[in-house]
Protein backbone atom coordinates (compact mmCIF):
# COMPACT_ATOMS: atom_id res chain seq x y z
CA MET A 1 -1.29 -12.02 77.08
CA ALA A 2 -0.47 -11.63 80.47
CA GLU A 3 3.17 -10.56 79.73
CA VAL A 4 1.45 -7.69 77.96
CA ALA A 5 -1.12 -7.01 80.91
CA LYS A 6 1.79 -7.13 83.07
CA ARG A 7 3.70 -4.38 81.37
CA LEU A 8 0.97 -2.46 81.23
CA SER A 9 -0.13 -2.35 84.70
CA LEU A 10 -3.30 -3.54 83.90
CA PRO A 11 -5.49 -6.65 85.14
CA LYS A 12 -5.46 -9.60 82.63
CA SER A 13 -9.38 -9.45 82.40
CA SER A 14 -9.36 -5.96 81.61
CA LEU A 15 -6.57 -6.51 78.64
CA ASN A 16 -9.06 -9.85 77.37
CA HIS A 17 -12.08 -7.70 77.49
CA TRP A 18 -10.45 -4.83 74.84
CA VAL A 19 -8.88 -7.83 72.58
CA VAL A 20 -12.59 -9.24 72.67
CA ALA A 21 -14.06 -6.12 72.19
CA ALA A 22 -11.74 -5.02 69.06
CA ARG A 23 -12.04 -8.46 67.47
CA LYS A 24 -15.62 -7.67 67.25
CA GLY A 25 -14.93 -4.07 65.89
CA LYS A 26 -17.01 -2.75 69.21
CA LEU A 27 -14.47 -0.86 70.61
CA THR A 28 -14.58 2.63 70.29
CA PRO A 29 -11.45 5.06 69.26
CA VAL A 30 -10.21 6.59 72.24
CA GLY A 31 -7.91 9.40 72.44
CA LYS A 32 -8.73 10.03 68.93
CA ASN A 33 -7.93 13.70 69.23
CA GLN A 34 -5.23 13.44 71.84
CA LYS A 35 -1.62 14.42 71.35
CA PRO A 36 1.19 11.82 71.29
CA VAL A 37 2.85 11.23 74.64
CA SER A 38 6.28 13.05 74.29
CA GLU A 39 9.54 11.11 75.51
CA LEU A 40 10.06 13.61 78.34
CA GLU A 41 6.44 12.77 79.35
CA MET A 42 7.08 8.80 79.10
CA GLU A 43 10.24 9.28 80.93
CA LEU A 44 8.31 11.33 83.94
CA SER A 45 5.82 8.51 83.87
CA LYS A 46 8.28 6.23 83.99
CA ARG A 47 10.60 7.91 86.89
CA SER A 48 7.47 8.31 88.32
CA GLN A 49 6.64 4.93 88.81
CA GLN A 50 9.81 4.10 90.21
CA THR A 51 9.77 6.27 92.84
CA GLU A 52 6.52 5.14 93.96
CA LYS A 53 7.90 1.28 94.14
CA VAL A 54 11.21 2.52 96.34
CA GLU A 55 8.80 4.40 98.78
CA LYS A 56 6.63 1.43 98.82
CA ILE A 57 9.85 -0.83 99.62
CA GLY A 58 11.13 2.00 102.38
CA ARG A 59 7.88 1.83 104.54
């Protein structure tokens, strides 16, 4: 679970809480009415994160 949290850039405790809630059937359906993220939006998000990391290193 630690690796998954790291890949999602989430605290391990948050992911753990969600998993426990899902197993108990208490996880509410979030984003049910949202449109899927396009490949272009995913790529833009990835590049933005990479730019932030590079800018932090340059400081």
